[in-house]
């Protein structure tokens, strides 16, 4: 998964216009991480956009038999903040509510939107535990959907 994120970053860097700004859809990126059974690991979801998004929400799906989500740490993107709640075991809902007439700032280099601490089950078998972005909705000031690049990740559970 890290290679997918690196490939995405390389593509964005390559897509630079003559004016020097990146030309790309907004992006949400789950950064992969690693840990052992019983560890508490932090996984970040990054945001990148050119400023045409005023609000969004998404769900993070994960295997609740292998991972338990802790309280989400929100990175403030003034005046916007992200909030999160566990809808059911294995589904974390994240919302960045509308701040009317105030798009999210231009973020040319992906920056953390949230950090999710995950407790890896003491009985988790080694391998990758996917953390998948689903039900992603981004909106512009008119309430219209904004196309986005979505990259899911995971937690590599080491022996």
N, C-alpha and C. Protein backbone atom coordinates (compact mmCIF):
# COMPACT_ATOMS: atom_id res chain seq x y z
N UNK A 1 0.82 -1.19 0.00
CA UNK A 1 0.00 0.00 0.00
C UNK A 1 0.86 1.26 0.00
N UNK A 2 1.99 1.22 0.74
CA UNK A 2 2.86 2.38 0.76
C UNK A 2 3.33 2.71 -0.64
N UNK A 3 3.56 1.68 -1.48
CA UNK A 3 3.99 1.94 -2.85
C UNK A 3 2.89 2.65 -3.64
N UNK A 4 1.61 2.37 -3.32
CA UNK A 4 0.52 3.08 -3.99
C UNK A 4 0.52 4.54 -3.60
N UNK A 5 0.77 4.83 -2.31
CA UNK A 5 0.82 6.21 -1.86
C UNK A 5 2.00 6.92 -2.51
N UNK A 6 3.16 6.24 -2.57
CA UNK A 6 4.32 6.84 -3.21
C UNK A 6 4.06 7.10 -4.69
N UNK A 7 3.37 6.16 -5.36
CA UNK A 7 3.03 6.35 -6.76
C UNK A 7 2.10 7.53 -6.91
N UNK A 8 1.10 7.67 -6.02
CA UNK A 8 0.18 8.80 -6.08
C UNK A 8 0.94 10.11 -5.94
N UNK A 9 1.84 10.19 -4.96
CA UNK A 9 2.62 11.40 -4.75
C UNK A 9 3.46 11.71 -5.98
N UNK A 10 4.05 10.69 -6.58
CA UNK A 10 4.85 10.90 -7.79
C UNK A 10 3.99 11.42 -8.93
N UNK A 11 2.78 10.89 -9.07
CA UNK A 11 1.89 11.35 -10.14
C UNK A 11 1.49 12.80 -9.92
N UNK A 12 1.15 13.17 -8.68
CA UNK A 12 0.77 14.55 -8.39
C UNK A 12 1.95 15.47 -8.65
N UNK A 13 3.15 15.07 -8.22
CA UNK A 13 4.33 15.90 -8.45
C UNK A 13 4.59 16.07 -9.95
N UNK A 14 4.31 15.05 -10.73
CA UNK A 14 4.52 15.11 -12.17
C UNK A 14 3.47 15.98 -12.85
N UNK A 15 2.28 16.10 -12.23
CA UNK A 15 1.17 16.84 -12.83
C UNK A 15 1.22 18.32 -12.50
N UNK A 16 2.38 18.89 -12.46
CA UNK A 16 2.51 20.31 -12.12
C UNK A 16 2.35 21.15 -13.38
N UNK A 17 1.52 22.17 -13.29
CA UNK A 17 1.30 23.05 -14.43
C UNK A 17 2.44 24.04 -14.55
N UNK A 18 2.41 24.85 -15.62
CA UNK A 18 3.45 25.84 -15.81
C UNK A 18 3.44 26.89 -14.70
N UNK A 19 2.26 27.10 -14.08
CA UNK A 19 2.20 28.09 -13.00
C UNK A 19 2.78 27.55 -11.70
N UNK A 20 3.01 26.23 -11.66
CA UNK A 20 3.63 25.65 -10.48
C UNK A 20 2.66 25.04 -9.49
N UNK A 21 1.35 25.05 -9.79
CA UNK A 21 0.42 24.43 -8.85
C UNK A 21 0.00 23.06 -9.37
N UNK A 22 -0.28 22.15 -8.44
CA UNK A 22 -0.66 20.80 -8.83
C UNK A 22 -2.06 20.79 -9.43
N UNK A 23 -2.27 19.97 -10.45
CA UNK A 23 -3.58 19.82 -11.06
C UNK A 23 -4.05 18.42 -10.74
N UNK A 24 -4.96 18.31 -9.80
CA UNK A 24 -5.45 16.99 -9.40
C UNK A 24 -6.77 17.15 -8.68
N UNK A 25 -7.57 16.08 -8.69
CA UNK A 25 -8.78 16.05 -7.88
C UNK A 25 -8.37 16.11 -6.42
N UNK A 26 -9.31 16.54 -5.55
CA UNK A 26 -9.02 16.40 -4.12
C UNK A 26 -8.70 14.94 -3.82
N UNK A 27 -7.95 14.70 -2.77
CA UNK A 27 -7.56 13.33 -2.43
C UNK A 27 -7.71 13.08 -0.94
N UNK A 28 -8.15 11.86 -0.62
CA UNK A 28 -8.12 11.34 0.74
C UNK A 28 -7.25 10.10 0.70
N UNK A 29 -6.27 10.03 1.59
CA UNK A 29 -5.27 8.98 1.55
C UNK A 29 -5.13 8.35 2.94
N UNK A 30 -5.36 7.05 3.03
CA UNK A 30 -5.11 6.33 4.28
C UNK A 30 -3.66 5.88 4.23
N UNK A 31 -2.86 6.38 5.14
CA UNK A 31 -1.44 6.01 5.18
C UNK A 31 -1.29 4.69 5.94
N UNK A 32 -0.64 3.74 5.32
CA UNK A 32 -0.41 2.45 5.95
C UNK A 32 0.62 2.56 7.05
N UNK A 33 0.53 1.65 8.01
CA UNK A 33 1.48 1.61 9.12
C UNK A 33 1.67 0.15 9.51
N UNK A 34 2.46 -0.09 10.54
CA UNK A 34 2.72 -1.47 10.96
C UNK A 34 2.77 -1.55 12.48
N UNK A 35 2.52 -2.75 12.98
CA UNK A 35 2.58 -3.01 14.41
C UNK A 35 2.46 -4.49 14.68
N UNK A 36 2.61 -4.87 15.91
CA UNK A 36 2.50 -6.27 16.33
C UNK A 36 1.21 -6.47 17.12
N UNK A 37 0.82 -7.73 17.28
CA UNK A 37 -0.35 -8.05 18.09
C UNK A 37 -0.18 -7.42 19.47
N UNK A 38 -1.21 -6.73 19.94
CA UNK A 38 -1.16 -6.07 21.23
C UNK A 38 -0.68 -4.63 21.19
N UNK A 39 -0.14 -4.17 20.05
CA UNK A 39 0.36 -2.80 19.92
C UNK A 39 -0.77 -1.80 19.72
N UNK A 40 -0.52 -0.56 20.11
CA UNK A 40 -1.36 0.57 19.76
C UNK A 40 -0.62 1.31 18.66
N UNK A 41 -1.23 1.39 17.48
CA UNK A 41 -0.58 2.05 16.34
C UNK A 41 -1.44 3.23 15.89
N UNK A 42 -0.80 4.23 15.31
CA UNK A 42 -1.52 5.39 14.81
C UNK A 42 -1.53 5.38 13.30
N UNK A 43 -2.71 5.54 12.74
CA UNK A 43 -2.90 5.56 11.29
C UNK A 43 -3.47 6.92 10.93
N UNK A 44 -2.89 7.60 9.95
CA UNK A 44 -3.40 8.91 9.56
C UNK A 44 -4.16 8.82 8.24
N UNK A 45 -5.15 9.70 8.13
CA UNK A 45 -5.85 9.92 6.87
C UNK A 45 -5.47 11.33 6.44
N UNK A 46 -4.86 11.43 5.27
CA UNK A 46 -4.41 12.73 4.76
C UNK A 46 -5.42 13.31 3.79
N UNK A 47 -5.38 14.63 3.65
CA UNK A 47 -6.26 15.38 2.76
C UNK A 47 -5.39 16.26 1.87
N UNK A 48 -5.79 16.36 0.61
CA UNK A 48 -5.10 17.24 -0.33
C UNK A 48 -6.14 17.78 -1.29
N UNK A 49 -6.14 19.09 -1.56
CA UNK A 49 -7.12 19.68 -2.47
C UNK A 49 -6.69 21.07 -2.89
N UNK A 50 -7.40 21.56 -3.91
CA UNK A 50 -7.13 22.89 -4.43
C UNK A 50 -8.08 23.95 -3.90
N UNK A 51 -8.95 23.61 -2.96
CA UNK A 51 -9.77 24.63 -2.33
C UNK A 51 -11.22 24.68 -2.77
N UNK A 52 -11.69 23.73 -3.58
CA UNK A 52 -13.08 23.77 -4.03
C UNK A 52 -14.01 22.92 -3.17
N UNK A 53 -13.53 22.37 -2.07
CA UNK A 53 -14.33 21.52 -1.19
C UNK A 53 -14.69 22.30 0.07
N UNK A 54 -16.01 22.28 0.44
CA UNK A 54 -16.43 22.97 1.67
C UNK A 54 -16.80 21.99 2.77
N UNK A 55 -17.06 20.72 2.42
CA UNK A 55 -17.43 19.73 3.44
C UNK A 55 -17.25 18.34 2.86
N UNK A 56 -17.07 17.37 3.75
CA UNK A 56 -17.07 15.97 3.30
C UNK A 56 -17.30 15.04 4.46
N UNK A 57 -17.64 13.81 4.09
CA UNK A 57 -17.71 12.75 5.09
C UNK A 57 -17.32 11.45 4.42
N UNK A 58 -16.90 10.51 5.26
CA UNK A 58 -16.49 9.20 4.76
C UNK A 58 -16.53 8.21 5.91
N UNK A 59 -16.42 6.95 5.55
CA UNK A 59 -16.33 5.90 6.55
C UNK A 59 -15.02 5.16 6.37
N UNK A 60 -14.44 4.75 7.48
CA UNK A 60 -13.28 3.87 7.47
C UNK A 60 -13.77 2.50 7.92
N UNK A 61 -13.58 1.50 7.06
CA UNK A 61 -13.96 0.13 7.42
C UNK A 61 -12.71 -0.66 7.75
N UNK A 62 -12.81 -1.48 8.81
CA UNK A 62 -11.70 -2.28 9.27
C UNK A 62 -12.26 -3.53 9.93
N UNK A 63 -11.42 -4.53 10.13
CA UNK A 63 -11.84 -5.80 10.73
C UNK A 63 -11.83 -5.65 12.26
N UNK A 64 -13.02 -5.62 12.89
CA UNK A 64 -13.06 -5.41 14.34
C UNK A 64 -12.52 -6.60 15.14
N UNK A 65 -12.30 -7.74 14.49
CA UNK A 65 -11.70 -8.88 15.18
C UNK A 65 -10.19 -8.70 15.31
N UNK A 66 -9.62 -7.85 14.44
CA UNK A 66 -8.18 -7.63 14.45
C UNK A 66 -7.81 -6.25 14.99
N UNK A 67 -8.72 -5.26 14.84
CA UNK A 67 -8.42 -3.88 15.20
C UNK A 67 -9.56 -3.26 16.00
N UNK A 68 -9.20 -2.39 16.94
CA UNK A 68 -10.18 -1.60 17.68
C UNK A 68 -9.77 -0.14 17.56
N UNK A 69 -10.68 0.70 17.05
CA UNK A 69 -10.39 2.12 16.88
C UNK A 69 -10.52 2.85 18.21
N UNK A 70 -9.57 3.73 18.48
CA UNK A 70 -9.61 4.57 19.68
C UNK A 70 -10.15 5.95 19.32
N UNK A 71 -10.11 6.89 20.26
CA UNK A 71 -10.60 8.24 20.01
C UNK A 71 -9.78 8.92 18.90
N UNK A 72 -10.47 9.46 17.93
CA UNK A 72 -9.83 10.09 16.78
C UNK A 72 -9.28 11.46 17.15
N UNK A 73 -8.09 11.73 16.66
CA UNK A 73 -7.44 13.03 16.85
C UNK A 73 -7.64 13.80 15.55
N UNK A 74 -8.30 14.96 15.64
CA UNK A 74 -8.60 15.77 14.45
C UNK A 74 -7.55 16.85 14.28
N UNK A 75 -7.07 16.98 13.06
CA UNK A 75 -6.18 18.10 12.74
C UNK A 75 -7.07 19.24 12.25
N UNK A 76 -6.96 20.39 12.85
CA UNK A 76 -7.81 21.51 12.46
C UNK A 76 -7.37 22.08 11.12
N UNK A 77 -8.33 22.23 10.23
CA UNK A 77 -8.11 22.92 8.96
C UNK A 77 -9.03 24.14 9.06
N UNK A 78 -8.54 25.16 9.74
CA UNK A 78 -9.37 26.31 10.12
C UNK A 78 -10.17 26.86 8.95
N UNK A 79 -11.45 27.17 9.14
CA UNK A 79 -12.24 27.03 10.36
C UNK A 79 -12.93 25.66 10.46
N UNK A 80 -12.49 24.69 9.71
CA UNK A 80 -13.08 23.36 9.68
C UNK A 80 -12.41 22.44 10.68
N UNK A 81 -13.18 21.51 11.25
CA UNK A 81 -12.62 20.47 12.09
C UNK A 81 -13.34 19.16 11.77
N UNK A 82 -12.65 18.08 11.92
CA UNK A 82 -13.24 16.77 11.66
C UNK A 82 -13.75 16.18 12.97
N UNK A 83 -14.87 15.48 12.89
CA UNK A 83 -15.35 14.74 14.05
C UNK A 83 -15.58 13.30 13.61
N UNK A 84 -15.54 12.38 14.55
CA UNK A 84 -15.66 10.96 14.20
C UNK A 84 -16.41 10.21 15.27
N UNK A 85 -17.07 9.14 14.84
CA UNK A 85 -17.74 8.25 15.79
C UNK A 85 -17.79 6.85 15.19
N UNK A 86 -17.78 5.87 16.06
CA UNK A 86 -17.89 4.48 15.62
C UNK A 86 -19.37 4.19 15.41
N UNK A 87 -19.75 3.89 14.14
CA UNK A 87 -21.15 3.57 13.83
C UNK A 87 -21.52 2.18 14.32
N UNK A 88 -20.59 1.26 14.12
CA UNK A 88 -20.74 -0.12 14.57
C UNK A 88 -19.34 -0.71 14.58
N UNK A 89 -19.15 -1.87 15.21
CA UNK A 89 -17.80 -2.44 15.20
C UNK A 89 -17.28 -2.58 13.76
N UNK A 90 -16.14 -1.97 13.51
CA UNK A 90 -15.53 -2.05 12.19
C UNK A 90 -15.89 -0.92 11.24
N UNK A 91 -16.70 0.06 11.69
CA UNK A 91 -17.04 1.20 10.83
C UNK A 91 -16.93 2.49 11.63
N UNK A 92 -16.00 3.34 11.19
CA UNK A 92 -15.77 4.64 11.81
C UNK A 92 -16.24 5.72 10.84
N UNK A 93 -17.17 6.56 11.25
CA UNK A 93 -17.71 7.63 10.42
C UNK A 93 -16.98 8.92 10.74
N UNK A 94 -16.48 9.61 9.70
CA UNK A 94 -15.77 10.88 9.87
C UNK A 94 -16.51 11.95 9.08
N UNK A 95 -16.74 13.10 9.71
CA UNK A 95 -17.46 14.21 9.09
C UNK A 95 -16.67 15.50 9.26
N UNK A 96 -16.54 16.23 8.16
CA UNK A 96 -16.05 17.61 8.21
C UNK A 96 -17.23 18.45 7.74
N UNK A 97 -17.95 19.10 8.68
CA UNK A 97 -19.19 19.78 8.31
C UNK A 97 -18.96 21.04 7.49
N UNK A 98 -20.03 21.49 6.86
CA UNK A 98 -20.01 22.68 6.01
C UNK A 98 -19.73 23.92 6.85
N UNK A 99 -18.82 24.74 6.35
CA UNK A 99 -18.65 26.09 6.84
C UNK A 99 -18.99 26.94 5.62
N UNK A 100 -20.24 27.44 5.59
CA UNK A 100 -20.77 28.10 4.39
C UNK A 100 -19.84 29.15 3.84
N UNK A 101 -19.77 29.17 2.52
CA UNK A 101 -18.98 30.17 1.79
C UNK A 101 -17.50 30.14 2.14
N UNK A 102 -17.04 29.03 2.73
CA UNK A 102 -15.64 28.99 3.14
C UNK A 102 -15.05 27.63 2.79
N UNK A 103 -14.51 27.51 1.57
CA UNK A 103 -13.93 26.22 1.19
C UNK A 103 -12.74 25.85 2.06
N UNK A 104 -12.47 24.56 2.08
CA UNK A 104 -11.26 24.11 2.75
C UNK A 104 -10.08 24.74 2.04
N UNK A 105 -8.99 24.98 2.74
CA UNK A 105 -7.85 25.67 2.13
C UNK A 105 -7.17 24.84 1.05
N UNK A 106 -6.43 25.53 0.21
CA UNK A 106 -5.61 24.84 -0.79
C UNK A 106 -4.53 24.07 -0.03
N UNK A 107 -4.44 22.78 -0.31
CA UNK A 107 -3.45 21.93 0.34
C UNK A 107 -2.74 21.17 -0.77
N UNK A 108 -1.62 21.72 -1.25
CA UNK A 108 -0.92 21.11 -2.39
C UNK A 108 -0.15 19.86 -1.99
N UNK A 109 0.29 19.79 -0.76
CA UNK A 109 0.98 18.61 -0.26
C UNK A 109 0.08 17.97 0.78
N UNK A 110 -0.18 16.69 0.64
CA UNK A 110 -1.09 16.01 1.55
C UNK A 110 -0.72 16.29 3.00
N UNK A 111 -1.75 16.60 3.81
CA UNK A 111 -1.54 16.87 5.23
C UNK A 111 -2.52 16.04 6.04
N UNK A 112 -2.16 15.69 7.28
CA UNK A 112 -3.05 14.86 8.09
C UNK A 112 -4.38 15.57 8.35
N UNK A 113 -5.46 14.84 8.14
CA UNK A 113 -6.79 15.31 8.48
C UNK A 113 -7.17 14.75 9.85
N UNK A 114 -6.97 13.44 10.01
CA UNK A 114 -7.22 12.79 11.29
C UNK A 114 -6.14 11.75 11.55
N UNK A 115 -5.98 11.44 12.83
CA UNK A 115 -5.14 10.32 13.24
C UNK A 115 -6.04 9.38 14.03
N UNK A 116 -6.01 8.10 13.66
CA UNK A 116 -6.83 7.11 14.34
C UNK A 116 -5.90 6.14 15.07
N UNK A 117 -5.97 6.11 16.40
CA UNK A 117 -5.21 5.09 17.11
C UNK A 117 -5.97 3.76 17.02
N UNK A 118 -5.28 2.72 16.61
CA UNK A 118 -5.87 1.38 16.53
C UNK A 118 -5.12 0.46 17.48
N UNK A 119 -5.87 -0.29 18.28
CA UNK A 119 -5.29 -1.33 19.11
C UNK A 119 -5.36 -2.61 18.29
N UNK A 120 -4.20 -3.20 18.06
CA UNK A 120 -4.13 -4.47 17.33
C UNK A 120 -4.44 -5.58 18.33
N UNK A 121 -5.41 -6.41 18.00
CA UNK A 121 -5.80 -7.49 18.90
C UNK A 121 -4.61 -8.36 19.26
N UNK A 122 -4.54 -8.77 20.51
CA UNK A 122 -3.46 -9.65 20.97
C UNK A 122 -3.50 -10.99 20.24
N UNK A 123 -4.65 -11.33 19.65
CA UNK A 123 -4.81 -12.60 18.93
C UNK A 123 -4.77 -12.44 17.42
N UNK A 124 -4.42 -11.25 16.95
CA UNK A 124 -4.40 -10.99 15.51
C UNK A 124 -3.27 -11.77 14.84
N UNK A 125 -3.61 -12.47 13.77
CA UNK A 125 -2.60 -13.18 12.99
C UNK A 125 -1.79 -12.19 12.16
N UNK A 126 -0.52 -12.49 11.89
CA UNK A 126 0.28 -11.62 11.03
C UNK A 126 -0.36 -11.48 9.64
N UNK A 127 -0.11 -10.35 9.02
CA UNK A 127 -0.65 -10.05 7.69
C UNK A 127 -1.20 -8.64 7.68
N UNK A 128 -1.76 -8.24 6.56
CA UNK A 128 -2.29 -6.88 6.43
C UNK A 128 -3.75 -6.85 6.85
N UNK A 129 -4.08 -5.92 7.72
CA UNK A 129 -5.46 -5.64 8.12
C UNK A 129 -5.88 -4.38 7.36
N UNK A 130 -6.67 -4.52 6.29
CA UNK A 130 -7.05 -3.36 5.48
C UNK A 130 -7.85 -2.33 6.27
N UNK A 131 -7.62 -1.07 5.97
CA UNK A 131 -8.43 0.05 6.45
C UNK A 131 -8.87 0.77 5.19
N UNK A 132 -10.17 0.66 4.90
CA UNK A 132 -10.70 1.06 3.60
C UNK A 132 -11.60 2.29 3.71
N UNK A 133 -11.38 3.26 2.83
CA UNK A 133 -12.26 4.42 2.72
C UNK A 133 -13.49 4.01 1.92
N UNK A 134 -14.68 4.25 2.48
CA UNK A 134 -15.93 3.96 1.76
C UNK A 134 -16.92 5.10 1.99
N UNK A 135 -17.96 5.09 1.17
CA UNK A 135 -19.03 6.10 1.28
C UNK A 135 -18.47 7.52 1.37
N UNK A 136 -17.51 7.82 0.52
CA UNK A 136 -16.86 9.13 0.51
C UNK A 136 -17.72 10.13 -0.25
N UNK A 137 -18.03 11.24 0.39
CA UNK A 137 -18.81 12.31 -0.24
C UNK A 137 -18.09 13.63 0.03
N UNK A 138 -17.69 14.31 -1.04
CA UNK A 138 -17.12 15.65 -0.93
C UNK A 138 -18.07 16.60 -1.64
N UNK A 139 -18.25 17.81 -1.09
CA UNK A 139 -19.19 18.76 -1.68
C UNK A 139 -18.54 20.13 -1.85
N UNK A 140 -18.99 20.84 -2.91
CA UNK A 140 -18.54 22.21 -3.12
C UNK A 140 -19.55 23.18 -2.50
N UNK A 141 -19.34 24.47 -2.65
CA UNK A 141 -20.17 25.49 -2.03
C UNK A 141 -21.62 25.42 -2.50
N UNK A 142 -21.88 24.83 -3.69
CA UNK A 142 -23.23 24.69 -4.21
C UNK A 142 -23.88 23.37 -3.80
N UNK A 143 -23.20 22.58 -3.00
CA UNK A 143 -23.72 21.30 -2.60
C UNK A 143 -23.55 20.21 -3.64
N UNK A 144 -22.79 20.51 -4.67
CA UNK A 144 -22.54 19.53 -5.74
C UNK A 144 -21.40 18.60 -5.32
N UNK A 145 -21.50 17.36 -5.78
CA UNK A 145 -20.45 16.38 -5.49
C UNK A 145 -19.16 16.77 -6.19
N UNK A 146 -18.05 16.55 -5.51
CA UNK A 146 -16.72 16.81 -6.06
C UNK A 146 -16.02 15.47 -6.23
N UNK A 147 -15.49 15.22 -7.41
CA UNK A 147 -14.74 13.99 -7.66
C UNK A 147 -13.46 14.00 -6.84
N UNK A 148 -13.12 12.84 -6.29
CA UNK A 148 -11.93 12.76 -5.45
C UNK A 148 -11.14 11.50 -5.75
N UNK A 149 -9.86 11.57 -5.50
CA UNK A 149 -8.99 10.40 -5.56
C UNK A 149 -9.00 9.78 -4.16
N UNK A 150 -9.27 8.49 -4.10
CA UNK A 150 -9.39 7.78 -2.83
C UNK A 150 -8.34 6.67 -2.79
N UNK A 151 -7.49 6.69 -1.76
CA UNK A 151 -6.48 5.65 -1.59
C UNK A 151 -6.61 5.05 -0.19
N UNK A 152 -7.00 3.79 -0.13
CA UNK A 152 -7.12 3.09 1.14
C UNK A 152 -5.76 2.53 1.55
N UNK A 153 -5.66 2.12 2.79
CA UNK A 153 -4.40 1.59 3.30
C UNK A 153 -4.64 0.43 4.24
N UNK A 154 -3.79 0.30 5.23
CA UNK A 154 -3.96 -0.80 6.17
C UNK A 154 -2.86 -0.82 7.21
N UNK A 155 -2.97 -1.81 8.07
CA UNK A 155 -1.98 -2.00 9.12
C UNK A 155 -1.34 -3.37 8.92
N UNK A 156 -0.04 -3.35 8.70
CA UNK A 156 0.70 -4.61 8.53
C UNK A 156 0.99 -5.15 9.93
N UNK A 157 0.35 -6.29 10.24
CA UNK A 157 0.56 -6.90 11.55
C UNK A 157 1.75 -7.84 11.43
N UNK A 158 2.79 -7.50 12.17
CA UNK A 158 4.05 -8.23 12.08
C UNK A 158 4.08 -9.37 13.11
N UNK A 159 4.83 -10.45 12.77
CA UNK A 159 4.92 -11.57 13.74
C UNK A 159 5.71 -11.17 14.98
